[in-house]
Amino acid sequence: MLRGIFKRAQMLMDLSIFLAKAMGLYIAIACLAILINRKPLDKVFKSYAKDIGMVFFHGAMALILGLILVLNHNIWTMDWVGLVTLLGWITLLKGVARMFLPEKAIQTGLSIYNSASTLFLIIGLVLGIYLAYMGFTA
């Protein structure tokens, strides 16, 4: 019985490490790419905001990803493992919001993009680097 508990704990830690690596690298690379290509992407983001069908579709994809993350990694701790869980829940909630409230999601997204998006991108870059670092050094 004790062996089974240790095996389950090891599997969860392996999953946490994998998700920290994958999420961290994705977030860092995406934020850096947007920061570097900010001007050319302005048109892309603005045209995306006009297409409610795409917002709904991306909401469905976020919902699926969020459900997978939450159902497999729902570990609430006050460290990087808990951060992985928090990001899973944020992804899930983002998917739900885009599917049920696509127009409100567009307004909120454009508001963030137009006001303080550089700050959010820098925070995202730091967060991504932190998660990747924790995943690769765990």
Protein backbone atom coordinates (compact mmCIF):
# COMPACT_ATOMS: atom_id res chain seq x y z
CA MET A 1 0.00 0.00 0.00
CA LEU A 2 2.76 2.43 0.94
CA ARG A 3 4.54 1.59 -2.30
CA GLY A 4 1.40 2.58 -4.25
CA ILE A 5 1.24 5.93 -2.48
CA PHE A 6 4.87 6.69 -3.31
CA LYS A 7 4.34 5.60 -6.92
CA ARG A 8 1.30 7.92 -7.26
CA ALA A 9 3.25 10.81 -5.69
CA GLN A 10 6.12 10.23 -8.13
CA MET A 11 3.71 10.17 -11.10
CA LEU A 12 2.18 13.47 -9.98
CA MET A 13 5.61 15.04 -9.58
CA ASP A 14 6.62 13.82 -13.04
CA LEU A 15 3.44 15.36 -14.45
CA SER A 16 4.10 18.63 -12.60
CA ILE A 17 7.63 18.78 -13.99
CA PHE A 18 6.45 18.03 -17.54
CA LEU A 19 3.69 20.65 -17.37
CA ALA A 20 6.03 23.27 -15.89
CA LYS A 21 8.47 22.69 -18.75
CA ALA A 22 5.81 22.72 -21.48
CA MET A 23 3.76 25.63 -20.09
CA GLY A 24 6.83 27.64 -19.14
CA LEU A 25 8.46 27.30 -22.56
CA TYR A 26 5.18 28.03 -24.36
CA ILE A 27 4.40 31.14 -22.28
CA ALA A 28 7.96 32.49 -22.53
CA ILE A 29 8.25 31.91 -26.28
CA ALA A 30 4.76 33.27 -27.05
CA CYS A 31 5.25 36.42 -24.94
CA LEU A 32 8.69 37.08 -26.41
CA ALA A 33 7.40 36.57 -29.97
CA ILE A 34 4.53 39.00 -29.39
CA LEU A 35 6.85 41.57 -27.79
CA ILE A 36 9.24 41.37 -30.75
CA ASN A 37 6.53 41.40 -33.44
CA ARG A 38 4.17 43.84 -31.76
CA LYS A 39 3.49 46.13 -34.73
CA PRO A 40 2.79 43.43 -37.36
CA LEU A 41 0.55 41.57 -34.92
CA ASP A 42 -1.64 44.61 -34.21
CA LYS A 43 -3.65 43.93 -37.38
CA VAL A 44 -3.93 40.23 -36.56
CA PHE A 45 -5.30 40.84 -33.07
CA LYS A 46 -7.75 43.48 -34.27
CA SER A 47 -9.08 41.30 -37.09
CA TYR A 48 -9.35 38.34 -34.68
CA ALA A 49 -11.49 40.49 -32.38
CA LYS A 50 -14.02 40.96 -35.19
CA ASP A 51 -14.51 37.20 -35.73
CA ILE A 52 -16.78 35.83 -32.98
CA GLY A 53 -16.61 32.39 -34.59
CA MET A 54 -12.85 32.24 -34.08
CA VAL A 55 -13.21 33.48 -30.52
CA PHE A 56 -15.74 30.71 -29.85
CA PHE A 57 -13.52 28.09 -31.52
CA HIS A 58 -10.47 29.15 -29.52
CA GLY A 59 -12.66 29.10 -26.42
CA ALA A 60 -13.56 25.48 -27.16
CA MET A 61 -9.87 24.61 -27.55
CA ALA A 62 -9.01 26.41 -24.31
CA LEU A 63 -11.86 24.60 -22.57
CA ILE A 64 -10.57 21.21 -23.69
CA LEU A 65 -7.01 22.04 -22.66
CA GLY A 66 -8.17 23.51 -19.35
CA LEU A 67 -10.26 20.44 -18.57
CA ILE A 68 -7.33 18.13 -19.33
CA LEU A 69 -5.06 20.19 -17.08
CA VAL A 70 -7.53 20.53 -14.21
CA LEU A 71 -8.61 16.88 -14.27
CA ASN A 72 -5.02 15.63 -14.28
CA HIS A 73 -3.25 18.27 -12.21
CA ASN A 74 -5.38 19.79 -9.46
CA ILE A 75 -2.67 20.20 -6.83
CA TRP A 76 -3.06 23.36 -4.76
CA THR A 77 0.25 24.28 -3.16
CA MET A 78 1.99 27.61 -2.59
CA ASP A 79 4.83 26.93 -5.03
CA TRP A 80 5.40 26.36 -8.73
CA VAL A 81 3.28 23.18 -8.65
CA GLY A 82 0.30 25.24 -7.49
CA LEU A 83 1.07 27.77 -10.22
CA VAL A 84 0.69 25.02 -12.82
CA THR A 85 -2.72 24.21 -11.33
CA LEU A 86 -3.70 27.89 -11.29
CA LEU A 87 -2.78 28.26 -14.96
CA GLY A 88 -4.87 25.18 -15.75
CA TRP A 89 -7.90 26.75 -14.03
CA ILE A 90 -7.30 30.08 -15.79
CA THR A 91 -7.20 28.25 -19.12
CA LEU A 92 -10.45 26.46 -18.28
CA LEU A 93 -12.18 29.69 -17.22
CA LYS A 94 -10.88 31.50 -20.30
CA GLY A 95 -12.41 28.79 -22.49
CA VAL A 96 -15.76 29.02 -20.71
CA ALA A 97 -15.75 32.83 -20.99
CA ARG A 98 -14.96 32.77 -24.70
CA MET A 99 -17.70 30.24 -25.37
CA PHE A 100 -20.47 31.76 -23.25
CA LEU A 101 -19.53 35.45 -23.47
CA PRO A 102 -17.55 35.88 -26.71
CA GLU A 103 -18.35 39.58 -27.14
CA LYS A 104 -17.39 40.36 -23.52
CA ALA A 105 -14.20 38.30 -23.95
CA ILE A 106 -13.35 40.36 -27.05
CA GLN A 107 -13.96 43.65 -25.20
CA THR A 108 -11.85 42.55 -22.23
CA GLY A 109 -9.06 41.27 -24.47
CA LEU A 110 -8.93 44.46 -26.53
CA SER A 111 -8.99 46.57 -23.38
CA ILE A 112 -6.01 44.71 -21.94
CA TYR A 113 -4.24 44.73 -25.30
CA ASN A 114 -4.71 48.47 -25.76
CA SER A 115 -3.83 49.54 -22.21
CA ALA A 116 -1.14 47.57 -20.44
CA SER A 117 -0.32 44.68 -22.72
CA THR A 118 3.45 45.29 -22.70
CA LEU A 119 3.42 44.97 -18.92
CA PHE A 120 1.34 41.77 -19.13
CA LEU A 121 3.70 40.36 -21.76
CA ILE A 122 6.76 41.07 -19.62
CA ILE A 123 5.06 39.50 -16.60
CA GLY A 124 4.16 36.51 -18.79
CA LEU A 125 7.73 36.23 -20.04
CA VAL A 126 9.08 36.22 -16.48
CA LEU A 127 6.42 33.73 -15.39
CA GLY A 128 7.23 31.45 -18.32
CA ILE A 129 10.96 31.57 -17.63
CA TYR A 130 10.29 30.84 -13.95
CA LEU A 131 8.09 27.83 -14.70
CA ALA A 132 10.50 26.44 -17.28
CA TYR A 133 13.41 26.91 -14.87
CA MET A 134 11.52 25.11 -12.10
CA GLY A 135 10.58 22.29 -14.45
CA PHE A 136 14.07 21.78 -15.78
CA THR A 137 15.75 22.00 -12.39
CA ALA A 138 13.24 20.03 -10.30
